[in-house]
Amino acid sequence: MTPPCPRCRLPAPTRFTVRGHDIHRCDRCDLEFVWPTPSPEALASVYTSGYFQGGGAGYDDYFTREREQVARKSRARLSALKELGVTRGRLFDLGCAAGYFLGHARDAGFTVAGAEPSPEALSAMDPSLRASVVPSLEALPDEARFEVITAWDVLEHLPDPDATLRSLRARLTPDGVLAVVIPVIGSSTTRLAPALWDQYKPPEHLWFWSARAMRSLLSDHGLRVLREDVAWSRPSRFVDPDGTSRAPLVRLARSIDALAHRAITAVAGPQLVTDSVAFYARAERP
């Protein structure tokens, strides 16, 4: 049976199969998704105690090896917010893990809060941040509103990202900013050799958007995209798998990679050469 596209309801045929899960594609919406949706039990089995430090579906060692990467990304993302005129206010990070981004945002002047269900991530969090973190978006007080909401590498994991975006939009103040990072389809790898793309990894990742599809989804929720940035690219990982090496040649390779991406992005857009894109969108007034 061919399922309907969740957005336009037209038939979305199977594109290929990964790890026993069918990836379906809607050409009209530029959207790919896993169907059937894995059961709650199958999804829960992904996010076990070893997710952040086990080398399985998640990370080899998030709490140590990823920390410098998160710091580098946090600086870039806070700089992007600053360029959009957002430097203060209440900031909520959905899926905040060990709170590394929250810590950087607090240091930059934001009043921070977050949501994270993992006990292991919470145990690794700075104790001064834990009191401002709830286990889920639904656990926030009804009256909680934020000038900035972030969801870095989160939406692709969720069974119903549309419903989550609806809830996040309702939590934004007028003119508030939502910032998300997602893996994007449309790069040369996803077009020519999808089996090599490491972001096709069900049941951890369930949804795959092009940049056009994400713009459309955000617009449907009253969010106008202000900025798109390359969030992550895979080429430099061939010489620097965890992104933390300080060896001169590796740092040179990383710099060349970044310069090449800027040049190609200026001509063709970020989705052609990158694996993940950051979208910054402002809530439009009714």
C-alpha atoms as a PDB file:
ATOM      1  CA  MET A   1       0.000   0.000   0.000  1.00  0.00           C
ATOM      2  CA  THR A   2       1.287   3.457  -0.932  1.00  0.00           C
ATOM      3  CA  PRO A   3       0.672   5.968   1.868  1.00  0.00           C
ATOM      4  CA  PRO A   4      -0.518   9.520   1.230  1.00  0.00           C
ATOM      5  CA  CYS A   5       1.870  12.405   1.726  1.00  0.00           C
ATOM      6  CA  PRO A   6       1.157  13.861   5.187  1.00  0.00           C
ATOM      7  CA  ARG A   7       1.007  17.357   3.691  1.00  0.00           C
ATOM      8  CA  CYS A   8      -0.728  17.215   0.294  1.00  0.00           C
ATOM      9  CA  ARG A   9      -2.327  13.738   0.666  1.00  0.00           C
ATOM     10  CA  LEU A  10      -1.173  12.617  -2.793  1.00  0.00           C
ATOM     11  CA  PRO A  11       0.350   9.110  -3.033  1.00  0.00           C
ATOM     12  CA  ALA A  12       3.970   8.993  -1.857  1.00  0.00           C
ATOM     13  CA  PRO A  13       5.721   5.931  -3.311  1.00  0.00           C
ATOM     14  CA  THR A  14       8.680   4.158  -1.746  1.00  0.00           C
ATOM     15  CA  ARG A  15      12.023   5.635  -2.778  1.00  0.00           C
ATOM     16  CA  PHE A  16      14.254   3.022  -1.126  1.00  0.00           C
ATOM     17  CA  THR A  17      14.602   0.960   2.042  1.00  0.00           C
ATOM     18  CA  VAL A  18      17.077   1.548   4.880  1.00  0.00           C
ATOM     19  CA  ARG A  19      17.543  -0.848   7.809  1.00  0.00           C
ATOM     20  CA  GLY A  20      14.229  -2.489   7.034  1.00  0.00           C
ATOM     21  CA  HIS A  21      12.335   0.831   6.962  1.00  0.00           C
ATOM     22  CA  ASP A  22      10.779   2.219   3.776  1.00  0.00           C
ATOM     23  CA  ILE A  23      11.570   5.837   2.899  1.00  0.00           C
ATOM     24  CA  HIS A  24       8.669   7.354   0.954  1.00  0.00           C
ATOM     25  CA  ARG A  25       8.882  10.497  -1.157  1.00  0.00           C
ATOM     26  CA  CYS A  26       6.413  13.141  -2.270  1.00  0.00           C
ATOM     27  CA  ASP A  27       7.873  14.995  -5.263  1.00  0.00           C
ATOM     28  CA  ARG A  28       5.236  17.698  -5.048  1.00  0.00           C
ATOM     29  CA  CYS A  29       6.123  18.628  -1.451  1.00  0.00           C
ATOM     30  CA  ASP A  30       9.829  17.727  -1.608  1.00  0.00           C
ATOM     31  CA  LEU A  31       9.298  15.661   1.532  1.00  0.00           C
ATOM     32  CA  GLU A  32      10.517  12.193   2.496  1.00  0.00           C
ATOM     33  CA  PHE A  33       9.345  10.185   5.485  1.00  0.00           C
ATOM     34  CA  VAL A  34       9.492   6.768   7.103  1.00  0.00           C
ATOM     35  CA  TRP A  35       6.325   4.712   6.726  1.00  0.00           C
ATOM     36  CA  PRO A  36       4.866   2.881   8.487  1.00  0.00           C
ATOM     37  CA  THR A  37       5.785   5.054  11.462  1.00  0.00           C
ATOM     38  CA  PRO A  38       7.668   2.891  13.968  1.00  0.00           C
ATOM     39  CA  SER A  39       5.747   1.901  17.071  1.00  0.00           C
ATOM     40  CA  PRO A  40       6.240   3.831  20.331  1.00  0.00           C
ATOM     41  CA  GLU A  41       8.140   0.803  21.635  1.00  0.00           C
ATOM     42  CA  ALA A  42      10.505   0.841  18.642  1.00  0.00           C
ATOM     43  CA  LEU A  43      11.117   4.561  19.057  1.00  0.00           C
ATOM     44  CA  ALA A  44      11.724   4.189  22.786  1.00  0.00           C
ATOM     45  CA  SER A  45      14.311   1.502  22.091  1.00  0.00           C
ATOM     46  CA  VAL A  46      16.440   4.080  20.235  1.00  0.00           C
ATOM     47  CA  TYR A  47      16.701   6.503  23.133  1.00  0.00           C
ATOM     48  CA  THR A  48      18.074   4.204  25.797  1.00  0.00           C
ATOM     49  CA  SER A  49      20.667   4.994  28.447  1.00  0.00           C
ATOM     50  CA  GLY A  50      23.400   4.489  25.842  1.00  0.00           C
ATOM     51  CA  TYR A  51      22.100   7.056  23.351  1.00  0.00           C
ATOM     52  CA  PHE A  52      24.550   9.784  24.356  1.00  0.00           C
ATOM     53  CA  GLN A  53      27.474   7.490  25.144  1.00  0.00           C
ATOM     54  CA  GLY A  54      27.156   4.177  23.435  1.00  0.00           C
ATOM     55  CA  GLY A  55      28.068   4.432  19.785  1.00  0.00           C
ATOM     56  CA  GLY A  56      24.760   2.876  18.756  1.00  0.00           C
ATOM     57  CA  ALA A  57      21.915   4.882  17.243  1.00  0.00           C
ATOM     58  CA  GLY A  58      23.123   8.061  18.908  1.00  0.00           C
ATOM     59  CA  TYR A  59      26.555   9.350  19.875  1.00  0.00           C
ATOM     60  CA  ASP A  60      29.864   7.708  20.661  1.00  0.00           C
ATOM     61  CA  ASP A  61      30.576  10.198  23.445  1.00  0.00           C
ATOM     62  CA  TYR A  62      28.395  13.295  23.433  1.00  0.00           C
ATOM     63  CA  PHE A  63      29.440  14.530  26.862  1.00  0.00           C
ATOM     64  CA  THR A  64      33.138  14.766  26.011  1.00  0.00           C
ATOM     65  CA  ARG A  65      33.869  14.511  22.290  1.00  0.00           C
ATOM     66  CA  GLU A  66      30.889  16.566  21.112  1.00  0.00           C
ATOM     67  CA  ARG A  67      31.267  19.361  23.647  1.00  0.00           C
ATOM     68  CA  GLU A  68      33.736  21.441  21.632  1.00  0.00           C
ATOM     69  CA  GLN A  69      31.611  21.041  18.505  1.00  0.00           C
ATOM     70  CA  VAL A  70      28.556  22.251  20.406  1.00  0.00           C
ATOM     71  CA  ALA A  71      30.525  25.255  21.675  1.00  0.00           C
ATOM     72  CA  ARG A  72      31.564  26.184  18.135  1.00  0.00           C
ATOM     73  CA  LYS A  73      28.039  25.770  16.806  1.00  0.00           C
ATOM     74  CA  SER A  74      26.592  27.711  19.752  1.00  0.00           C
ATOM     75  CA  ARG A  75      28.798  30.708  19.032  1.00  0.00           C
ATOM     76  CA  ALA A  76      27.733  30.699  15.379  1.00  0.00           C
ATOM     77  CA  ARG A  77      24.038  30.364  16.231  1.00  0.00           C
ATOM     78  CA  LEU A  78      24.089  33.084  18.878  1.00  0.00           C
ATOM     79  CA  SER A  79      25.919  35.308  16.398  1.00  0.00           C
ATOM     80  CA  ALA A  80      23.165  34.676  13.833  1.00  0.00           C
ATOM     81  CA  LEU A  81      20.527  35.660  16.390  1.00  0.00           C
ATOM     82  CA  LYS A  82      22.502  38.809  17.197  1.00  0.00           C
ATOM     83  CA  GLU A  83      22.609  39.751  13.516  1.00  0.00           C
ATOM     84  CA  LEU A  84      18.822  39.428  13.513  1.00  0.00           C
ATOM     85  CA  GLY A  85      18.664  41.864  16.420  1.00  0.00           C
ATOM     86  CA  VAL A  86      17.937  39.242  19.085  1.00  0.00           C
ATOM     87  CA  THR A  87      20.373  39.569  21.986  1.00  0.00           C
ATOM     88  CA  ARG A  88      18.240  39.350  25.122  1.00  0.00           C
ATOM     89  CA  GLY A  89      15.028  37.808  26.383  1.00  0.00           C
ATOM     90  CA  ARG A  90      13.686  34.399  27.271  1.00  0.00           C
ATOM     91  CA  LEU A  91      15.082  31.485  25.266  1.00  0.00           C
ATOM     92  CA  PHE A  92      13.721  27.941  25.233  1.00  0.00           C
ATOM     93  CA  ASP A  93      15.738  25.049  23.757  1.00  0.00           C
ATOM     94  CA  LEU A  94      13.733  21.939  22.848  1.00  0.00           C
ATOM     95  CA  GLY A  95      15.856  18.806  23.180  1.00  0.00           C
ATOM     96  CA  CYS A  96      18.591  20.604  25.090  1.00  0.00           C
ATOM     97  CA  ALA A  97      20.589  17.423  25.938  1.00  0.00           C
ATOM     98  CA  ALA A  98      23.241  18.283  28.545  1.00  0.00           C
ATOM     99  CA  GLY A  99      22.458  21.986  28.266  1.00  0.00           C
ATOM    100  CA  TYR A 100      25.653  23.082  26.540  1.00  0.00           C
ATOM    101  CA  PHE A 101      23.848  25.520  24.235  1.00  0.00           C
ATOM    102  CA  LEU A 102      21.740  26.764  27.138  1.00  0.00           C
ATOM    103  CA  GLY A 103      24.900  27.588  29.051  1.00  0.00           C
ATOM    104  CA  HIS A 104      26.327  29.593  26.153  1.00  0.00           C
ATOM    105  CA  ALA A 105      22.999  31.390  25.656  1.00  0.00           C
ATOM    106  CA  ARG A 106      22.833  32.278  29.344  1.00  0.00           C
ATOM    107  CA  ASP A 107      26.379  33.628  29.210  1.00  0.00           C
ATOM    108  CA  ALA A 108      25.315  35.750  26.219  1.00  0.00           C
ATOM    109  CA  GLY A 109      22.567  37.377  28.268  1.00  0.00           C
ATOM    110  CA  PHE A 110      19.459  35.261  27.684  1.00  0.00           C
ATOM    111  CA  THR A 111      17.163  33.924  30.383  1.00  0.00           C
ATOM    112  CA  VAL A 112      17.105  30.252  29.485  1.00  0.00           C
ATOM    113  CA  ALA A 113      14.849  27.231  29.800  1.00  0.00           C
ATOM    114  CA  GLY A 114      14.820  23.877  28.065  1.00  0.00           C
ATOM    115  CA  ALA A 115      13.209  20.478  27.641  1.00  0.00           C
ATOM    116  CA  GLU A 116      15.105  17.195  27.828  1.00  0.00           C
ATOM    117  CA  PRO A 117      13.722  13.727  28.675  1.00  0.00           C
ATOM    118  CA  SER A 118      17.049  11.880  29.061  1.00  0.00           C
ATOM    119  CA  PRO A 119      18.139  11.213  32.670  1.00  0.00           C
ATOM    120  CA  GLU A 120      21.711  10.678  31.440  1.00  0.00           C
ATOM    121  CA  ALA A 121      21.791  14.084  29.773  1.00  0.00           C
ATOM    122  CA  LEU A 122      20.318  15.742  32.841  1.00  0.00           C
ATOM    123  CA  SER A 123      22.912  14.134  35.090  1.00  0.00           C
ATOM    124  CA  ALA A 124      25.669  15.621  32.901  1.00  0.00           C
ATOM    125  CA  MET A 125      24.093  19.084  32.948  1.00  0.00           C
ATOM    126  CA  ASP A 126      25.444  22.039  34.898  1.00  0.00           C
ATOM    127  CA  PRO A 127      23.409  21.890  38.145  1.00  0.00           C
ATOM    128  CA  SER A 128      22.654  25.605  37.857  1.00  0.00           C
ATOM    129  CA  LEU A 129      20.682  24.895  34.655  1.00  0.00           C
ATOM    130  CA  ARG A 130      18.678  21.859  35.771  1.00  0.00           C
ATOM    131  CA  ALA A 131      15.991  23.811  37.592  1.00  0.00           C
ATOM    132  CA  SER A 132      15.038  25.545  34.332  1.00  0.00           C
ATOM    133  CA  VAL A 133      14.694  22.297  32.347  1.00  0.00           C
ATOM    134  CA  VAL A 134      11.470  20.285  32.059  1.00  0.00           C
ATOM    135  CA  PRO A 135      11.102  16.732  30.674  1.00  0.00           C
ATOM    136  CA  SER A 136       8.929  17.739  27.708  1.00  0.00           C
ATOM    137  CA  LEU A 137       7.358  20.644  25.873  1.00  0.00           C
ATOM    138  CA  GLU A 138       4.013  19.690  27.393  1.00  0.00           C
ATOM    139  CA  ALA A 139       5.445  20.128  30.900  1.00  0.00           C
ATOM    140  CA  LEU A 140       5.943  23.879  30.457  1.00  0.00           C
ATOM    141  CA  PRO A 141       3.605  26.135  32.430  1.00  0.00           C
ATOM    142  CA  ASP A 142       0.637  27.231  30.337  1.00  0.00           C
ATOM    143  CA  GLU A 143       1.656  30.870  30.562  1.00  0.00           C
ATOM    144  CA  ALA A 144       5.286  30.363  29.472  1.00  0.00           C
ATOM    145  CA  ARG A 145       6.240  32.453  26.427  1.00  0.00           C
ATOM    146  CA  PHE A 146       9.628  33.051  24.821  1.00  0.00           C
ATOM    147  CA  GLU A 147      11.337  35.573  22.573  1.00  0.00           C
ATOM    148  CA  VAL A 148      13.474  32.779  21.114  1.00  0.00           C
ATOM    149  CA  ILE A 149      12.768  29.059  20.710  1.00  0.00           C
ATOM    150  CA  THR A 150      15.411  26.713  19.343  1.00  0.00           C
ATOM    151  CA  ALA A 151      15.211  23.100  18.194  1.00  0.00           C
ATOM    152  CA  TRP A 152      18.644  22.008  17.006  1.00  0.00           C
ATOM    153  CA  ASP A 153      18.516  18.638  15.202  1.00  0.00           C
ATOM    154  CA  VAL A 154      15.197  17.711  16.811  1.00  0.00           C
ATOM    155  CA  LEU A 155      12.288  17.807  14.348  1.00  0.00           C
ATOM    156  CA  GLU A 156      13.495  14.867  12.258  1.00  0.00           C
ATOM    157  CA  HIS A 157      13.288  12.617  15.335  1.00  0.00           C
ATOM    158  CA  LEU A 158       9.642  13.331  16.169  1.00  0.00           C
ATOM    159  CA  PRO A 159       6.609  11.248  15.180  1.00  0.00           C
ATOM    160  CA  ASP A 160       4.585  14.435  14.539  1.00  0.00           C
ATOM    161  CA  PRO A 161       6.803  17.467  13.846  1.00  0.00           C
ATOM    162  CA  ASP A 162       3.827  19.404  12.503  1.00  0.00           C
ATOM    163  CA  ALA A 163       2.089  19.226  15.889  1.00  0.00           C
ATOM    164  CA  THR A 164       5.312  20.166  17.653  1.00  0.00           C
ATOM    165  CA  LEU A 165       5.759  23.240  15.454  1.00  0.00           C
ATOM    166  CA  ARG A 166       2.188  24.241  16.205  1.00  0.00           C
ATOM    167  CA  SER A 167       2.928  24.069  19.937  1.00  0.00           C
ATOM    168  CA  LEU A 168       6.222  25.936  19.584  1.00  0.00           C
ATOM    169  CA  ARG A 169       4.591  28.693  17.544  1.00  0.00           C
ATOM    170  CA  ALA A 170       2.005  29.151  20.287  1.00  0.00           C
ATOM    171  CA  ARG A 171       4.833  29.650  22.804  1.00  0.00           C
ATOM    172  CA  LEU A 172       6.492  32.474  20.861  1.00  0.00           C
ATOM    173  CA  THR A 173       5.943  36.093  21.791  1.00  0.00           C
ATOM    174  CA  PRO A 174       4.811  38.457  19.016  1.00  0.00           C
ATOM    175  CA  ASP A 175       7.776  38.873  16.655  1.00  0.00           C
ATOM    176  CA  GLY A 176       9.574  36.017  18.440  1.00  0.00           C
ATOM    177  CA  VAL A 177      12.132  33.922  16.566  1.00  0.00           C
ATOM    178  CA  LEU A 178      12.127  30.164  16.043  1.00  0.00           C
ATOM    179  CA  ALA A 179      15.452  28.613  15.022  1.00  0.00           C
ATOM    180  CA  VAL A 180      15.738  25.007  13.873  1.00  0.00           C
ATOM    181  CA  VAL A 181      18.402  22.801  12.340  1.00  0.00           C
ATOM    182  CA  ILE A 182      17.404  19.854  10.168  1.00  0.00           C
ATOM    183  CA  PRO A 183      19.213  17.497   7.802  1.00  0.00           C
ATOM    184  CA  VAL A 184      18.168  18.588   4.301  1.00  0.00           C
ATOM    185  CA  ILE A 185      17.619  16.506   1.211  1.00  0.00           C
ATOM    186  CA  GLY A 186      18.714  17.991  -2.076  1.00  0.00           C
ATOM    187  CA  SER A 187      22.472  17.815  -1.630  1.00  0.00           C
ATOM    188  CA  SER A 188      24.576  16.045  -4.232  1.00  0.00           C
ATOM    189  CA  THR A 189      24.911  13.051  -1.887  1.00  0.00           C
ATOM    190  CA  THR A 190      21.178  12.593  -1.338  1.00  0.00           C
ATOM    191  CA  ARG A 191      20.525  12.894  -5.063  1.00  0.00           C
ATOM    192  CA  LEU A 192      23.294  10.690  -6.438  1.00  0.00           C
ATOM    193  CA  ALA A 193      24.155   8.252  -3.643  1.00  0.00           C
ATOM    194  CA  PRO A 194      21.451   8.293  -0.967  1.00  0.00           C
ATOM    195  CA  ALA A 195      22.709   5.050   0.565  1.00  0.00           C
ATOM    196  CA  LEU A 196      25.894   6.909   1.561  1.00  0.00           C
ATOM    197  CA  TRP A 197      24.095   9.719   3.398  1.00  0.00           C
ATOM    198  CA  ASP A 198      24.464   9.162   7.129  1.00  0.00           C
ATOM    199  CA  GLN A 199      21.275  11.063   7.978  1.00  0.00           C
ATOM    200  CA  TYR A 200      19.045   8.371   6.500  1.00  0.00           C
ATOM    201  CA  LYS A 201      18.973   6.422   9.764  1.00  0.00           C
ATOM    202  CA  PRO A 202      15.509   5.242  10.752  1.00  0.00           C
ATOM    203  CA  PRO A 203      14.035   4.762  13.267  1.00  0.00           C
ATOM    204  CA  GLU A 204      16.111   7.585  14.790  1.00  0.00           C
ATOM    205  CA  HIS A 205      15.331   9.963  11.914  1.00  0.00           C
ATOM    206  CA  LEU A 206      11.781   9.807  10.558  1.00  0.00           C
ATOM    207  CA  TRP A 207      11.467  12.927   8.372  1.00  0.00           C
ATOM    208  CA  PHE A 208      13.582  14.485   5.627  1.00  0.00           C
ATOM    209  CA  TRP A 209      12.799  17.907   4.132  1.00  0.00           C
ATOM    210  CA  SER A 210      14.321  19.942   1.368  1.00  0.00           C
ATOM    211  CA  ALA A 211      14.972  23.600   2.128  1.00  0.00           C
ATOM    212  CA  ARG A 212      11.865  24.454   0.100  1.00  0.00           C
ATOM    213  CA  ALA A 213       9.751  22.003   2.067  1.00  0.00           C
ATOM    214  CA  MET A 214      10.925  23.411   5.403  1.00  0.00           C
ATOM    215  CA  ARG A 215      10.221  26.985   4.304  1.00  0.00           C
ATOM    216  CA  SER A 216       6.706  25.901   3.333  1.00  0.00           C
ATOM    217  CA  LEU A 217       6.153  24.096   6.634  1.00  0.00           C
ATOM    218  CA  LEU A 218       7.316  27.078   8.676  1.00  0.00           C
ATOM    219  CA  SER A 219       5.148  29.414   6.604  1.00  0.00           C
ATOM    220  CA  ASP A 220       2.116  27.219   7.267  1.00  0.00           C
ATOM    221  CA  HIS A 221       2.666  27.910  10.968  1.00  0.00           C
ATOM    222  CA  GLY A 222       2.895  31.665  10.555  1.00  0.00           C
ATOM    223  CA  LEU A 223       6.693  31.796  10.568  1.00  0.00           C
ATOM    224  CA  ARG A 224       8.624  33.822   7.983  1.00  0.00           C
ATOM    225  CA  VAL A 225      12.138  32.581   7.262  1.00  0.00           C
ATOM    226  CA  LEU A 226      14.681  35.362   7.752  1.00  0.00           C
ATOM    227  CA  ARG A 227      17.920  33.483   7.344  1.00  0.00           C
ATOM    228  CA  GLU A 228      19.344  30.113   6.281  1.00  0.00           C
ATOM    229  CA  ASP A 229      22.848  28.992   7.248  1.00  0.00           C
ATOM    230  CA  VAL A 230      24.933  25.928   6.557  1.00  0.00           C
ATOM    231  CA  ALA A 231      24.786  24.096   9.873  1.00  0.00           C
ATOM    232  CA  TRP A 232      26.891  21.045   9.130  1.00  0.00           C
ATOM    233  CA  SER A 233      28.628  19.379   6.227  1.00  0.00           C
ATOM    234  CA  ARG A 234      30.142  15.949   6.020  1.00  0.00           C
ATOM    235  CA  PRO A 235      33.242  16.280   3.754  1.00  0.00           C
ATOM    236  CA  SER A 236      35.620  17.415   6.508  1.00  0.00           C
ATOM    237  CA  ARG A 237      34.618  14.443   8.633  1.00  0.00           C
ATOM    238  CA  PHE A 238      36.711  12.187   6.414  1.00  0.00           C
ATOM    239  CA  VAL A 239      39.793  13.743   8.043  1.00  0.00           C
ATOM    240  CA  ASP A 240      38.212  14.852  11.329  1.00  0.00           C
ATOM    241  CA  PRO A 241      35.448  12.408  12.338  1.00  0.00           C
ATOM    242  CA  ASP A 242      34.472  14.083  15.611  1.00  0.00           C
ATOM    243  CA  GLY A 243      35.239  17.662  14.581  1.00  0.00           C
ATOM    244  CA  THR A 244      37.626  18.361  17.458  1.00  0.00           C
ATOM    245  CA  SER A 245      41.118  17.830  16.032  1.00  0.00           C
ATOM    246  CA  ARG A 246      43.568  20.739  16.292  1.00  0.00           C
ATOM    247  CA  ALA A 247      46.161  19.234  13.959  1.00  0.00           C
ATOM    248  CA  PRO A 248      47.347  21.884  11.450  1.00  0.00           C
ATOM    249  CA  LEU A 249      46.424  19.891   8.335  1.00  0.00           C
ATOM    250  CA  VAL A 250      43.000  19.026   9.719  1.00  0.00           C
ATOM    251  CA  ARG A 251      42.333  22.649  10.624  1.00  0.00           C
ATOM    252  CA  LEU A 252      43.405  23.648   7.113  1.00  0.00           C
ATOM    253  CA  ALA A 253      41.037  21.056   5.602  1.00  0.00           C
ATOM    254  CA  ARG A 254      38.211  22.377   7.768  1.00  0.00           C
ATOM    255  CA  SER A 255      38.928  25.953   6.645  1.00  0.00           C
ATOM    256  CA  ILE A 256      39.033  24.976   2.960  1.00  0.00           C
ATOM    257  CA  ASP A 257      35.777  23.073   3.402  1.00  0.00           C
ATOM    258  CA  ALA A 258      34.146  26.144   4.961  1.00  0.00           C
ATOM    259  CA  LEU A 259      35.399  28.497   2.234  1.00  0.00           C
ATOM    260  CA  ALA A 260      34.225  26.164  -0.529  1.00  0.00           C
ATOM    261  CA  HIS A 261      30.804  25.906   1.052  1.00  0.00           C
ATOM    262  CA  ARG A 262      30.476  29.679   1.323  1.00  0.00           C
ATOM    263  CA  ALA A 263      31.374  30.097  -2.340  1.00  0.00           C
ATOM    264  CA  ILE A 264      29.006  27.402  -3.610  1.00  0.00           C
ATOM    265  CA  THR A 265      26.252  28.498  -1.235  1.00  0.00           C
ATOM    266  CA  ALA A 266      26.440  32.038  -2.608  1.00  0.00           C
ATOM    267  CA  VAL A 267      25.736  30.681  -6.090  1.00  0.00           C
ATOM    268  CA  ALA A 268      23.471  27.683  -5.555  1.00  0.00           C
ATOM    269  CA  GLY A 269      22.126  27.894  -2.003  1.00  0.00           C
ATOM    270  CA  PRO A 270      23.155  25.922   1.071  1.00  0.00           C
ATOM    271  CA  GLN A 271      21.167  22.791   0.312  1.00  0.00           C
ATOM    272  CA  LEU A 272      23.351  21.798  -2.652  1.00  0.00           C
ATOM    273  CA  VAL A 273      26.512  21.161  -0.666  1.00  0.00           C
ATOM    274  CA  THR A 274      25.481  20.684   2.922  1.00  0.00           C
ATOM    275  CA  ASP A 275      23.787  18.032   5.001  1.00  0.00           C
ATOM    276  CA  SER A 276      22.142  20.244   7.621  1.00  0.00           C
ATOM    277  CA  VAL A 277      20.713  23.757   7.420  1.00  0.00           C
ATOM    278  CA  ALA A 278      19.769  26.218  10.162  1.00  0.00           C
ATOM    279  CA  PHE A 279      16.532  28.149   9.588  1.00  0.00           C
ATOM    280  CA  TYR A 280      15.728  31.308  11.543  1.00  0.00           C
ATOM    281  CA  ALA A 281      12.092  32.375  11.257  1.00  0.00           C
ATOM    282  CA  ARG A 282      10.084  35.169  12.850  1.00  0.00           C
ATOM    283  CA  ALA A 283       6.514  34.856  14.060  1.00  0.00           C
ATOM    284  CA  GLU A 284       4.246  36.888  11.823  1.00  0.00           C
ATOM    285  CA  ARG A 285       1.502  38.920  13.426  1.00  0.00           C
ATOM    286  CA  PRO A 286      -2.040  37.815  12.540  1.00  0.00           C
END
